[in-house]
């Protein structure tokens, strides 16, 4: 019996020596490089999405961004999103951005110009990938599109004012005096209006401006324009986009068209728009976010200007205004 116990003890010692000398008794991350890689792949990322207000265009951008991130491999276990909505208040937006400095996010995604300016000005530590800033350099969120220098990069939606008014000329050839309605507090709108006025002056149009500082002033401003112009133009503008149905109601009562800068404006009753795709803007920003999360510095990811335009017309509004739609191959018709 004693001999048997000694024999078993000897076998145990041999087994232990084997494990130490050959690694046959363990399967640690150090002995298996693939195990180490698999462990690293379980990292989870926390993303804050920041917007001044909520509307259909922003929802489309956010959904496209989230869906593309999922497609790139960031499923629900690897990435969570928190949407920070300032409900139209600039003070609330600035407060949100101040709080972001003290919170643990891997990525900040502001939607359009006002939110992007607020995030960049707050100097958050997390990398920033914005969606749909009309003029990133003009808005002060970077000094060069090619070399982002303020921890922020993303997509820019070039507003083709020439294409908008060319389409307007086809739809309403008699329009001559254009009413321009926008919010003075939105830099993207201010810059787009400057481009629009330049185009109108060079092409023999006249124009009348009306500005607002918040959505409560939109209806009155639209009424002031409607009686004296042939059409109303609304640039990329969060404030006006939120109140677009009010603009359309006033315009329809005066039998004049509204030309917008986003398909969501057309969904809200504007006659037509020419713009970048909100889905493409969101998806491209997601691809840039993926590069950053995989280790590429923000400064090495140039901002991207999208110029693949959509021509969208609301057929119901056209019928209301007695406008016959042209036969255009690339024209998207909604409202049937």
C-alpha atoms as a PDB file:
ATOM      1  CA  UNK A   1       0.000   0.000   0.000  1.00  0.00           C
ATOM      2  CA  UNK A   2       2.867   2.332   0.869  1.00  0.00           C
ATOM      3  CA  UNK A   3       4.539   1.468  -2.432  1.00  0.00           C
ATOM      4  CA  UNK A   4       1.344   2.375  -4.300  1.00  0.00           C
ATOM      5  CA  UNK A   5       1.072   5.767  -2.582  1.00  0.00           C
ATOM      6  CA  UNK A   6       4.728   6.505  -3.361  1.00  0.00           C
ATOM      7  CA  UNK A   7       4.163   5.569  -6.998  1.00  0.00           C
ATOM      8  CA  UNK A   8       1.117   7.847  -7.305  1.00  0.00           C
ATOM      9  CA  UNK A   9       2.994  10.729  -5.675  1.00  0.00           C
ATOM     10  CA  UNK A  10       5.839  10.259  -8.142  1.00  0.00           C
ATOM     11  CA  UNK A  11       3.401  10.411 -11.052  1.00  0.00           C
ATOM     12  CA  UNK A  12       1.957  13.688  -9.735  1.00  0.00           C
ATOM     13  CA  UNK A  13       5.424  15.243  -9.469  1.00  0.00           C
ATOM     14  CA  UNK A  14       6.223  14.171 -13.036  1.00  0.00           C
ATOM     15  CA  UNK A  15       2.971  15.683 -14.284  1.00  0.00           C
ATOM     16  CA  UNK A  16       3.710  18.976 -12.543  1.00  0.00           C
ATOM     17  CA  UNK A  17       7.200  19.110 -14.017  1.00  0.00           C
ATOM     18  CA  UNK A  18       5.765  18.435 -17.442  1.00  0.00           C
ATOM     19  CA  UNK A  19       3.372  21.361 -17.096  1.00  0.00           C
ATOM     20  CA  UNK A  20       6.138  23.733 -16.023  1.00  0.00           C
ATOM     21  CA  UNK A  21       8.687  22.666 -18.645  1.00  0.00           C
ATOM     22  CA  UNK A  22       6.435  22.229 -21.693  1.00  0.00           C
ATOM     23  CA  UNK A  23       3.312  24.283 -20.917  1.00  0.00           C
ATOM     24  CA  UNK A  24       1.135  21.211 -21.479  1.00  0.00           C
ATOM     25  CA  UNK A  25      -0.841  21.863 -18.317  1.00  0.00           C
ATOM     26  CA  UNK A  26      -1.878  25.512 -19.098  1.00  0.00           C
ATOM     27  CA  UNK A  27      -3.537  27.558 -21.805  1.00  0.00           C
ATOM     28  CA  UNK A  28      -2.758  31.167 -20.867  1.00  0.00           C
ATOM     29  CA  UNK A  29      -2.999  34.237 -23.072  1.00  0.00           C
ATOM     30  CA  UNK A  30       0.821  34.364 -23.135  1.00  0.00           C
ATOM     31  CA  UNK A  31       1.087  30.864 -24.584  1.00  0.00           C
ATOM     32  CA  UNK A  32      -1.715  31.488 -27.114  1.00  0.00           C
ATOM     33  CA  UNK A  33      -1.432  34.729 -29.147  1.00  0.00           C
ATOM     34  CA  UNK A  34      -4.926  34.224 -30.553  1.00  0.00           C
ATOM     35  CA  UNK A  35      -6.376  34.140 -27.043  1.00  0.00           C
ATOM     36  CA  UNK A  36      -4.830  37.551 -26.379  1.00  0.00           C
ATOM     37  CA  UNK A  37      -6.283  38.940 -29.629  1.00  0.00           C
ATOM     38  CA  UNK A  38      -9.738  37.605 -28.829  1.00  0.00           C
ATOM     39  CA  UNK A  39      -9.653  39.229 -25.395  1.00  0.00           C
ATOM     40  CA  UNK A  40      -8.805  42.615 -26.899  1.00  0.00           C
ATOM     41  CA  UNK A  41     -11.702  42.343 -29.336  1.00  0.00           C
ATOM     42  CA  UNK A  42     -14.215  42.507 -26.476  1.00  0.00           C
ATOM     43  CA  UNK A  43     -13.573  46.246 -25.914  1.00  0.00           C
ATOM     44  CA  UNK A  44     -16.753  48.306 -25.708  1.00  0.00           C
ATOM     45  CA  UNK A  45     -17.016  51.888 -26.973  1.00  0.00           C
ATOM     46  CA  UNK A  46     -19.228  54.651 -25.617  1.00  0.00           C
ATOM     47  CA  UNK A  47     -20.387  57.299 -28.118  1.00  0.00           C
ATOM     48  CA  UNK A  48     -22.177  60.593 -27.420  1.00  0.00           C
ATOM     49  CA  UNK A  49     -24.303  62.016 -30.255  1.00  0.00           C
ATOM     50  CA  UNK A  50     -24.991  65.737 -29.775  1.00  0.00           C
ATOM     51  CA  UNK A  51     -27.678  67.826 -31.493  1.00  0.00           C
ATOM     52  CA  UNK A  52     -29.141  71.269 -30.944  1.00  0.00           C
ATOM     53  CA  UNK A  53     -32.638  70.130 -31.832  1.00  0.00           C
ATOM     54  CA  UNK A  54     -34.490  67.195 -33.355  1.00  0.00           C
ATOM     55  CA  UNK A  55     -35.849  66.895 -36.883  1.00  0.00           C
ATOM     56  CA  UNK A  56     -36.185  64.350 -39.663  1.00  0.00           C
ATOM     57  CA  UNK A  57     -32.875  65.172 -41.328  1.00  0.00           C
ATOM     58  CA  UNK A  58     -30.920  64.728 -38.103  1.00  0.00           C
ATOM     59  CA  UNK A  59     -32.712  61.453 -37.387  1.00  0.00           C
ATOM     60  CA  UNK A  60     -31.751  60.180 -40.839  1.00  0.00           C
ATOM     61  CA  UNK A  61     -28.091  61.130 -40.297  1.00  0.00           C
ATOM     62  CA  UNK A  62     -27.964  59.510 -36.850  1.00  0.00           C
ATOM     63  CA  UNK A  63     -29.662  56.314 -38.029  1.00  0.00           C
ATOM     64  CA  UNK A  64     -27.301  56.041 -40.990  1.00  0.00           C
ATOM     65  CA  UNK A  65     -24.295  56.558 -38.711  1.00  0.00           C
ATOM     66  CA  UNK A  66     -25.451  53.923 -36.224  1.00  0.00           C
ATOM     67  CA  UNK A  67     -26.341  51.378 -38.898  1.00  0.00           C
ATOM     68  CA  UNK A  68     -22.991  51.814 -40.621  1.00  0.00           C
ATOM     69  CA  UNK A  69     -21.123  51.345 -37.335  1.00  0.00           C
ATOM     70  CA  UNK A  70     -23.029  48.087 -36.803  1.00  0.00           C
ATOM     71  CA  UNK A  71     -22.124  47.043 -40.331  1.00  0.00           C
ATOM     72  CA  UNK A  72     -18.467  47.763 -39.576  1.00  0.00           C
ATOM     73  CA  UNK A  73     -18.567  45.365 -36.654  1.00  0.00           C
ATOM     74  CA  UNK A  74     -19.561  47.533 -33.697  1.00  0.00           C
ATOM     75  CA  UNK A  75     -22.622  45.620 -32.554  1.00  0.00           C
ATOM     76  CA  UNK A  76     -24.643  46.346 -29.420  1.00  0.00           C
ATOM     77  CA  UNK A  77     -22.070  44.577 -27.250  1.00  0.00           C
ATOM     78  CA  UNK A  78     -19.214  46.679 -28.616  1.00  0.00           C
ATOM     79  CA  UNK A  79     -20.767  50.136 -28.936  1.00  0.00           C
ATOM     80  CA  UNK A  80     -23.432  52.089 -27.086  1.00  0.00           C
ATOM     81  CA  UNK A  81     -24.888  55.430 -28.156  1.00  0.00           C
ATOM     82  CA  UNK A  82     -26.190  58.240 -25.969  1.00  0.00           C
ATOM     83  CA  UNK A  83     -28.099  60.997 -27.764  1.00  0.00           C
ATOM     84  CA  UNK A  84     -27.773  64.438 -26.161  1.00  0.00           C
ATOM     85  CA  UNK A  85     -30.551  66.731 -27.422  1.00  0.00           C
ATOM     86  CA  UNK A  86     -30.508  70.399 -26.395  1.00  0.00           C
ATOM     87  CA  UNK A  87     -34.183  70.820 -27.457  1.00  0.00           C
ATOM     88  CA  UNK A  88     -33.370  73.977 -29.409  1.00  0.00           C
ATOM     89  CA  UNK A  89     -31.659  75.775 -26.514  1.00  0.00           C
ATOM     90  CA  UNK A  90     -28.151  77.118 -27.105  1.00  0.00           C
ATOM     91  CA  UNK A  91     -27.613  77.442 -23.351  1.00  0.00           C
ATOM     92  CA  UNK A  92     -28.534  73.780 -22.872  1.00  0.00           C
ATOM     93  CA  UNK A  93     -26.247  72.797 -25.746  1.00  0.00           C
ATOM     94  CA  UNK A  94     -23.290  74.580 -24.144  1.00  0.00           C
ATOM     95  CA  UNK A  95     -24.085  72.942 -20.806  1.00  0.00           C
ATOM     96  CA  UNK A  96     -24.149  69.504 -22.449  1.00  0.00           C
ATOM     97  CA  UNK A  97     -20.776  70.133 -24.043  1.00  0.00           C
ATOM     98  CA  UNK A  98     -19.254  71.291 -20.748  1.00  0.00           C
ATOM     99  CA  UNK A  99     -20.409  68.063 -19.126  1.00  0.00           C
ATOM    100  CA  UNK A 100     -18.856  66.011 -21.926  1.00  0.00           C
ATOM    101  CA  UNK A 101     -15.409  67.129 -20.758  1.00  0.00           C
ATOM    102  CA  UNK A 102     -15.902  65.255 -17.491  1.00  0.00           C
ATOM    103  CA  UNK A 103     -17.514  62.119 -18.900  1.00  0.00           C
ATOM    104  CA  UNK A 104     -15.859  58.995 -20.237  1.00  0.00           C
ATOM    105  CA  UNK A 105     -16.680  58.821 -23.954  1.00  0.00           C
ATOM    106  CA  UNK A 106     -14.593  57.211 -26.681  1.00  0.00           C
ATOM    107  CA  UNK A 107     -16.124  59.367 -29.422  1.00  0.00           C
ATOM    108  CA  UNK A 108     -18.273  62.518 -29.727  1.00  0.00           C
ATOM    109  CA  UNK A 109     -20.526  62.868 -32.792  1.00  0.00           C
ATOM    110  CA  UNK A 110     -22.136  66.314 -33.154  1.00  0.00           C
ATOM    111  CA  UNK A 111     -24.849  66.818 -35.781  1.00  0.00           C
ATOM    112  CA  UNK A 112     -24.452  69.861 -38.105  1.00  0.00           C
ATOM    113  CA  UNK A 113     -22.791  73.181 -37.424  1.00  0.00           C
ATOM    114  CA  UNK A 114     -24.177  74.594 -34.133  1.00  0.00           C
ATOM    115  CA  UNK A 115     -23.574  71.378 -32.180  1.00  0.00           C
ATOM    116  CA  UNK A 116     -20.141  70.916 -33.745  1.00  0.00           C
ATOM    117  CA  UNK A 117     -19.073  74.442 -32.851  1.00  0.00           C
ATOM    118  CA  UNK A 118     -20.229  73.956 -29.258  1.00  0.00           C
ATOM    119  CA  UNK A 119     -18.406  70.628 -28.904  1.00  0.00           C
ATOM    120  CA  UNK A 120     -15.155  71.928 -30.406  1.00  0.00           C
ATOM    121  CA  UNK A 121     -15.264  75.133 -28.360  1.00  0.00           C
ATOM    122  CA  UNK A 122     -15.673  73.044 -25.200  1.00  0.00           C
ATOM    123  CA  UNK A 123     -12.348  71.344 -26.024  1.00  0.00           C
ATOM    124  CA  UNK A 124     -13.532  67.857 -25.142  1.00  0.00           C
ATOM    125  CA  UNK A 125     -10.787  65.248 -24.840  1.00  0.00           C
ATOM    126  CA  UNK A 126     -12.543  62.509 -26.833  1.00  0.00           C
ATOM    127  CA  UNK A 127     -12.079  62.571 -30.628  1.00  0.00           C
ATOM    128  CA  UNK A 128     -14.861  64.346 -32.528  1.00  0.00           C
ATOM    129  CA  UNK A 129     -16.433  63.182 -35.805  1.00  0.00           C
ATOM    130  CA  UNK A 130     -19.094  65.619 -36.985  1.00  0.00           C
ATOM    131  CA  UNK A 131     -21.876  64.999 -39.483  1.00  0.00           C
ATOM    132  CA  UNK A 132     -22.903  67.596 -42.061  1.00  0.00           C
ATOM    133  CA  UNK A 133     -21.100  70.863 -41.322  1.00  0.00           C
ATOM    134  CA  UNK A 134     -21.587  73.188 -44.290  1.00  0.00           C
ATOM    135  CA  UNK A 135     -18.274  75.045 -43.936  1.00  0.00           C
ATOM    136  CA  UNK A 136     -15.953  73.492 -41.309  1.00  0.00           C
ATOM    137  CA  UNK A 137     -13.246  76.106 -41.795  1.00  0.00           C
ATOM    138  CA  UNK A 138     -15.692  79.019 -41.860  1.00  0.00           C
ATOM    139  CA  UNK A 139     -17.406  77.663 -38.746  1.00  0.00           C
ATOM    140  CA  UNK A 140     -14.066  77.591 -36.928  1.00  0.00           C
ATOM    141  CA  UNK A 141     -13.980  73.860 -36.190  1.00  0.00           C
ATOM    142  CA  UNK A 142     -10.710  73.449 -38.128  1.00  0.00           C
ATOM    143  CA  UNK A 143      -8.277  75.674 -40.016  1.00  0.00           C
ATOM    144  CA  UNK A 144      -7.718  73.208 -42.850  1.00  0.00           C
ATOM    145  CA  UNK A 145      -9.931  70.493 -44.319  1.00  0.00           C
ATOM    146  CA  UNK A 146      -6.846  68.453 -45.176  1.00  0.00           C
ATOM    147  CA  UNK A 147      -5.223  68.647 -41.724  1.00  0.00           C
ATOM    148  CA  UNK A 148      -7.780  68.777 -38.899  1.00  0.00           C
ATOM    149  CA  UNK A 149      -6.161  70.601 -35.984  1.00  0.00           C
ATOM    150  CA  UNK A 150      -8.872  70.852 -33.302  1.00  0.00           C
ATOM    151  CA  UNK A 151      -9.455  67.187 -32.526  1.00  0.00           C
ATOM    152  CA  UNK A 152     -12.391  67.171 -34.970  1.00  0.00           C
ATOM    153  CA  UNK A 153     -13.052  65.878 -38.463  1.00  0.00           C
ATOM    154  CA  UNK A 154     -16.109  64.723 -40.367  1.00  0.00           C
ATOM    155  CA  UNK A 155     -18.363  65.368 -43.339  1.00  0.00           C
ATOM    156  CA  UNK A 156     -19.304  68.617 -45.045  1.00  0.00           C
ATOM    157  CA  UNK A 157     -22.504  69.115 -47.032  1.00  0.00           C
ATOM    158  CA  UNK A 158     -21.743  71.534 -49.834  1.00  0.00           C
ATOM    159  CA  UNK A 159     -25.005  73.386 -50.560  1.00  0.00           C
ATOM    160  CA  UNK A 160     -25.368  73.785 -54.348  1.00  0.00           C
ATOM    161  CA  UNK A 161     -27.235  77.106 -54.455  1.00  0.00           C
ATOM    162  CA  UNK A 162     -26.723  77.300 -58.224  1.00  0.00           C
ATOM    163  CA  UNK A 163     -28.444  73.948 -58.737  1.00  0.00           C
ATOM    164  CA  UNK A 164     -31.304  74.926 -56.439  1.00  0.00           C
ATOM    165  CA  UNK A 165     -32.090  78.090 -58.395  1.00  0.00           C
ATOM    166  CA  UNK A 166     -31.606  76.344 -61.752  1.00  0.00           C
ATOM    167  CA  UNK A 167     -34.208  73.783 -60.694  1.00  0.00           C
ATOM    168  CA  UNK A 168     -36.398  76.645 -59.472  1.00  0.00           C
ATOM    169  CA  UNK A 169     -36.181  78.270 -62.886  1.00  0.00           C
ATOM    170  CA  UNK A 170     -37.457  75.068 -64.474  1.00  0.00           C
ATOM    171  CA  UNK A 171     -40.312  74.657 -62.036  1.00  0.00           C
ATOM    172  CA  UNK A 172     -41.338  78.324 -61.741  1.00  0.00           C
ATOM    173  CA  UNK A 173     -39.785  80.163 -64.719  1.00  0.00           C
ATOM    174  CA  UNK A 174     -41.467  83.489 -63.892  1.00  0.00           C
ATOM    175  CA  UNK A 175     -39.857  83.885 -60.464  1.00  0.00           C
ATOM    176  CA  UNK A 176     -37.723  87.013 -60.254  1.00  0.00           C
ATOM    177  CA  UNK A 177     -37.760  88.316 -56.671  1.00  0.00           C
ATOM    178  CA  UNK A 178     -36.610  85.719 -54.140  1.00  0.00           C
ATOM    179  CA  UNK A 179     -37.368  85.904 -50.445  1.00  0.00           C
ATOM    180  CA  UNK A 180     -34.555  84.532 -48.274  1.00  0.00           C
ATOM    181  CA  UNK A 181     -35.517  83.338 -44.806  1.00  0.00           C
ATOM    182  CA  UNK A 182     -32.941  82.199 -42.254  1.00  0.00           C
ATOM    183  CA  UNK A 183     -31.702  82.301 -38.659  1.00  0.00           C
ATOM    184  CA  UNK A 184     -28.857  84.736 -37.992  1.00  0.00           C
ATOM    185  CA  UNK A 185     -27.534  82.556 -35.174  1.00  0.00           C
ATOM    186  CA  UNK A 186     -26.629  79.644 -37.446  1.00  0.00           C
ATOM    187  CA  UNK A 187     -23.283  80.104 -39.159  1.00  0.00           C
ATOM    188  CA  UNK A 188     -24.044  77.470 -41.783  1.00  0.00           C
ATOM    189  CA  UNK A 189     -27.173  79.388 -42.797  1.00  0.00           C
ATOM    190  CA  UNK A 190     -25.350  82.726 -42.871  1.00  0.00           C
ATOM    191  CA  UNK A 191     -22.636  81.387 -45.148  1.00  0.00           C
ATOM    192  CA  UNK A 192     -25.089  79.643 -47.467  1.00  0.00           C
ATOM    193  CA  UNK A 193     -27.149  82.822 -47.761  1.00  0.00           C
ATOM    194  CA  UNK A 194     -24.014  84.727 -48.762  1.00  0.00           C
ATOM    195  CA  UNK A 195     -23.480  82.235 -51.593  1.00  0.00           C
ATOM    196  CA  UNK A 196     -27.134  82.465 -52.598  1.00  0.00           C
ATOM    197  CA  UNK A 197     -27.107  86.267 -52.745  1.00  0.00           C
ATOM    198  CA  UNK A 198     -23.955  86.204 -54.836  1.00  0.00           C
ATOM    199  CA  UNK A 199     -25.560  83.812 -57.307  1.00  0.00           C
ATOM    200  CA  UNK A 200     -28.793  85.807 -57.501  1.00  0.00           C
ATOM    201  CA  UNK A 201     -26.954  89.097 -58.084  1.00  0.00           C
ATOM    202  CA  UNK A 202     -24.824  87.583 -60.838  1.00  0.00           C
ATOM    203  CA  UNK A 203     -27.849  86.087 -62.587  1.00  0.00           C
ATOM    204  CA  UNK A 204     -30.173  89.073 -62.604  1.00  0.00           C
ATOM    205  CA  UNK A 205     -32.489  88.180 -59.714  1.00  0.00           C
ATOM    206  CA  UNK A 206     -33.577  90.477 -56.919  1.00  0.00           C
ATOM    207  CA  UNK A 207     -33.981  89.290 -53.354  1.00  0.00           C
ATOM    208  CA  UNK A 208     -35.454  90.280 -49.997  1.00  0.00           C
ATOM    209  CA  UNK A 209     -34.087  88.998 -46.677  1.00  0.00           C
ATOM    210  CA  UNK A 210     -35.949  88.212 -43.489  1.00  0.00           C
ATOM    211  CA  UNK A 211     -34.115  86.833 -40.488  1.00  0.00           C
ATOM    212  CA  UNK A 212     -35.171  85.194 -37.228  1.00  0.00           C
ATOM    213  CA  UNK A 213     -33.419  84.358 -33.981  1.00  0.00           C
ATOM    214  CA  UNK A 214     -35.652  81.447 -32.950  1.00  0.00           C
ATOM    215  CA  UNK A 215     -38.488  79.279 -34.259  1.00  0.00           C
ATOM    216  CA  UNK A 216     -41.229  81.381 -32.648  1.00  0.00           C
ATOM    217  CA  UNK A 217     -40.443  84.208 -35.101  1.00  0.00           C
ATOM    218  CA  UNK A 218     -40.633  82.085 -38.267  1.00  0.00           C
ATOM    219  CA  UNK A 219     -44.317  82.387 -39.110  1.00  0.00           C
ATOM    220  CA  UNK A 220     -44.357  86.177 -38.824  1.00  0.00           C
ATOM    221  CA  UNK A 221     -41.204  86.492 -40.927  1.00  0.00           C
ATOM    222  CA  UNK A 222     -42.674  84.218 -43.595  1.00  0.00           C
ATOM    223  CA  UNK A 223     -45.854  86.321 -43.672  1.00  0.00           C
ATOM    224  CA  UNK A 224     -43.766  89.467 -44.115  1.00  0.00           C
ATOM    225  CA  UNK A 225     -42.072  87.931 -47.153  1.00  0.00           C
ATOM    226  CA  UNK A 226     -44.942  86.114 -48.801  1.00  0.00           C
ATOM    227  CA  UNK A 227     -46.844  89.142 -50.039  1.00  0.00           C
ATOM    228  CA  UNK A 228     -43.899  90.685 -51.903  1.00  0.00           C
ATOM    229  CA  UNK A 229     -41.792  87.874 -53.449  1.00  0.00           C
ATOM    230  CA  UNK A 230     -42.181  85.206 -56.130  1.00  0.00           C
ATOM    231  CA  UNK A 231     -40.574  82.398 -54.132  1.00  0.00           C
ATOM    232  CA  UNK A 232     -38.986  81.753 -50.723  1.00  0.00           C
ATOM    233  CA  UNK A 233     -35.573  80.164 -50.311  1.00  0.00           C
ATOM    234  CA  UNK A 234     -34.541  78.498 -47.026  1.00  0.00           C
ATOM    235  CA  UNK A 235     -30.880  77.471 -46.604  1.00  0.00           C
ATOM    236  CA  UNK A 236     -29.529  74.686 -44.377  1.00  0.00           C
ATOM    237  CA  UNK A 237     -30.905  75.931 -41.069  1.00  0.00           C
ATOM    238  CA  UNK A 238     -31.960  73.878 -38.029  1.00  0.00           C
ATOM    239  CA  UNK A 239     -34.290  76.587 -36.735  1.00  0.00           C
ATOM    240  CA  UNK A 240     -36.169  77.005 -40.013  1.00  0.00           C
ATOM    241  CA  UNK A 241     -36.230  73.296 -40.704  1.00  0.00           C
ATOM    242  CA  UNK A 242     -38.016  72.710 -37.409  1.00  0.00           C
ATOM    243  CA  UNK A 243     -40.693  75.256 -38.369  1.00  0.00           C
ATOM    244  CA  UNK A 244     -40.899  74.441 -42.079  1.00  0.00           C
ATOM    245  CA  UNK A 245     -44.603  73.554 -42.010  1.00  0.00           C
ATOM    246  CA  UNK A 246     -45.372  77.110 -40.889  1.00  0.00           C
ATOM    247  CA  UNK A 247     -43.386  78.551 -43.806  1.00  0.00           C
ATOM    248  CA  UNK A 248     -45.133  76.241 -46.267  1.00  0.00           C
ATOM    249  CA  UNK A 249     -48.582  77.080 -44.942  1.00  0.00           C
ATOM    250  CA  UNK A 250     -47.983  80.806 -45.411  1.00  0.00           C
ATOM    251  CA  UNK A 251     -46.414  80.283 -48.849  1.00  0.00           C
ATOM    252  CA  UNK A 252     -49.253  78.084 -50.129  1.00  0.00           C
ATOM    253  CA  UNK A 253     -51.818  80.648 -49.012  1.00  0.00           C
ATOM    254  CA  UNK A 254     -50.002  83.180 -51.178  1.00  0.00           C
ATOM    255  CA  UNK A 255     -49.483  80.720 -54.063  1.00  0.00           C
ATOM    256  CA  UNK A 256     -45.685  80.901 -53.998  1.00  0.00           C
ATOM    257  CA  UNK A 257     -43.162  78.032 -53.870  1.00  0.00           C
ATOM    258  CA  UNK A 258     -40.648  77.313 -51.133  1.00  0.00           C
ATOM    259  CA  UNK A 259     -37.217  76.051 -52.165  1.00  0.00           C
ATOM    260  CA  UNK A 260     -35.221  74.294 -49.467  1.00  0.00           C
ATOM    261  CA  UNK A 261     -31.813  72.790 -48.898  1.00  0.00           C
ATOM    262  CA  UNK A 262     -32.748  69.360 -47.565  1.00  0.00           C
ATOM    263  CA  UNK A 263     -35.160  66.577 -48.594  1.00  0.00           C
ATOM    264  CA  UNK A 264     -36.773  66.745 -45.139  1.00  0.00           C
ATOM    265  CA  UNK A 265     -37.896  70.291 -45.977  1.00  0.00           C
ATOM    266  CA  UNK A 266     -39.612  68.876 -49.060  1.00  0.00           C
ATOM    267  CA  UNK A 267     -41.237  66.185 -46.922  1.00  0.00           C
ATOM    268  CA  UNK A 268     -42.563  69.043 -44.793  1.00  0.00           C
ATOM    269  CA  UNK A 269     -44.163  70.652 -47.841  1.00  0.00           C
ATOM    270  CA  UNK A 270     -41.472  72.744 -49.558  1.00  0.00           C
ATOM    271  CA  UNK A 271     -41.727  72.468 -53.335  1.00  0.00           C
ATOM    272  CA  UNK A 272     -38.166  71.289 -54.022  1.00  0.00           C
ATOM    273  CA  UNK A 273     -34.603  70.968 -52.788  1.00  0.00           C
ATOM    274  CA  UNK A 274     -31.156  70.042 -54.049  1.00  0.00           C
ATOM    275  CA  UNK A 275     -28.763  68.653 -51.463  1.00  0.00           C
ATOM    276  CA  UNK A 276     -26.425  65.916 -50.352  1.00  0.00           C
ATOM    277  CA  UNK A 277     -27.925  62.698 -49.032  1.00  0.00           C
ATOM    278  CA  UNK A 278     -28.305  62.691 -45.247  1.00  0.00           C
ATOM    279  CA  UNK A 279     -27.758  58.937 -45.287  1.00  0.00           C
ATOM    280  CA  UNK A 280     -24.475  59.290 -47.170  1.00  0.00           C
ATOM    281  CA  UNK A 281     -23.304  61.958 -44.726  1.00  0.00           C
ATOM    282  CA  UNK A 282     -23.986  59.679 -41.762  1.00  0.00           C
ATOM    283  CA  UNK A 283     -22.383  56.640 -43.358  1.00  0.00           C
ATOM    284  CA  UNK A 284     -19.220  58.470 -44.404  1.00  0.00           C
ATOM    285  CA  UNK A 285     -18.788  59.919 -40.906  1.00  0.00           C
ATOM    286  CA  UNK A 286     -19.115  56.384 -39.515  1.00  0.00           C
ATOM    287  CA  UNK A 287     -16.295  55.177 -41.756  1.00  0.00           C
ATOM    288  CA  UNK A 288     -14.121  58.010 -40.443  1.00  0.00           C
ATOM    289  CA  UNK A 289     -15.050  57.099 -36.855  1.00  0.00           C
ATOM    290  CA  UNK A 290     -13.986  53.519 -37.529  1.00  0.00           C
ATOM    291  CA  UNK A 291     -10.545  54.731 -38.637  1.00  0.00           C
ATOM    292  CA  UNK A 292     -10.129  56.729 -35.431  1.00  0.00           C
ATOM    293  CA  UNK A 293     -11.198  53.874 -33.159  1.00  0.00           C
ATOM    294  CA  UNK A 294      -8.682  51.647 -34.923  1.00  0.00           C
ATOM    295  CA  UNK A 295      -5.867  54.050 -34.079  1.00  0.00           C
ATOM    296  CA  UNK A 296      -5.590  56.663 -36.851  1.00  0.00           C
ATOM    297  CA  UNK A 297      -5.099  60.150 -35.370  1.00  0.00           C
ATOM    298  CA  UNK A 298      -7.864  62.680 -36.073  1.00  0.00           C
ATOM    299  CA  UNK A 299      -5.285  64.998 -37.648  1.00  0.00           C
ATOM    300  CA  UNK A 300      -4.595  62.372 -40.341  1.00  0.00           C
ATOM    301  CA  UNK A 301      -8.242  62.037 -41.439  1.00  0.00           C
ATOM    302  CA  UNK A 302      -9.206  64.965 -43.699  1.00  0.00           C
ATOM    303  CA  UNK A 303     -12.735  66.327 -43.608  1.00  0.00           C
ATOM    304  CA  UNK A 304     -14.778  65.154 -46.598  1.00  0.00           C
ATOM    305  CA  UNK A 305     -16.983  67.359 -48.776  1.00  0.00           C
ATOM    306  CA  UNK A 306     -19.843  65.397 -50.341  1.00  0.00           C
ATOM    307  CA  UNK A 307     -21.124  66.589 -53.706  1.00  0.00           C
ATOM    308  CA  UNK A 308     -23.422  63.757 -54.820  1.00  0.00           C
ATOM    309  CA  UNK A 309     -26.662  65.733 -54.986  1.00  0.00           C
ATOM    310  CA  UNK A 310     -30.313  64.703 -54.728  1.00  0.00           C
ATOM    311  CA  UNK A 311     -32.994  66.609 -56.671  1.00  0.00           C
ATOM    312  CA  UNK A 312     -36.267  66.216 -54.763  1.00  0.00           C
ATOM    313  CA  UNK A 313     -39.734  67.614 -55.544  1.00  0.00           C
ATOM    314  CA  UNK A 314     -43.022  67.386 -53.636  1.00  0.00           C
ATOM    315  CA  UNK A 315     -45.747  66.476 -56.132  1.00  0.00           C
ATOM    316  CA  UNK A 316     -48.589  67.353 -53.740  1.00  0.00           C
ATOM    317  CA  UNK A 317     -47.202  70.868 -53.286  1.00  0.00           C
ATOM    318  CA  UNK A 318     -46.696  71.184 -57.036  1.00  0.00           C
ATOM    319  CA  UNK A 319     -50.347  70.279 -57.581  1.00  0.00           C
ATOM    320  CA  UNK A 320     -51.448  72.797 -54.954  1.00  0.00           C
ATOM    321  CA  UNK A 321     -49.478  75.517 -56.729  1.00  0.00           C
ATOM    322  CA  UNK A 322     -50.530  74.403 -60.228  1.00  0.00           C
ATOM    323  CA  UNK A 323     -46.962  73.544 -61.256  1.00  0.00           C
ATOM    324  CA  UNK A 324     -46.239  70.909 -63.893  1.00  0.00           C
ATOM    325  CA  UNK A 325     -43.198  68.811 -63.036  1.00  0.00           C
ATOM    326  CA  UNK A 326     -40.475  68.553 -65.696  1.00  0.00           C
ATOM    327  CA  UNK A 327     -39.293  65.261 -67.152  1.00  0.00           C
ATOM    328  CA  UNK A 328     -35.912  64.944 -65.423  1.00  0.00           C
ATOM    329  CA  UNK A 329     -34.132  61.600 -65.180  1.00  0.00           C
ATOM    330  CA  UNK A 330     -32.571  62.316 -61.766  1.00  0.00           C
ATOM    331  CA  UNK A 331     -35.630  63.940 -60.184  1.00  0.00           C
ATOM    332  CA  UNK A 332     -36.968  62.240 -57.034  1.00  0.00           C
ATOM    333  CA  UNK A 333     -40.709  62.832 -56.620  1.00  0.00           C
ATOM    334  CA  UNK A 334     -42.342  62.473 -53.209  1.00  0.00           C
ATOM    335  CA  UNK A 335     -45.807  63.309 -51.876  1.00  0.00           C
ATOM    336  CA  UNK A 336     -47.860  61.188 -54.283  1.00  0.00           C
END
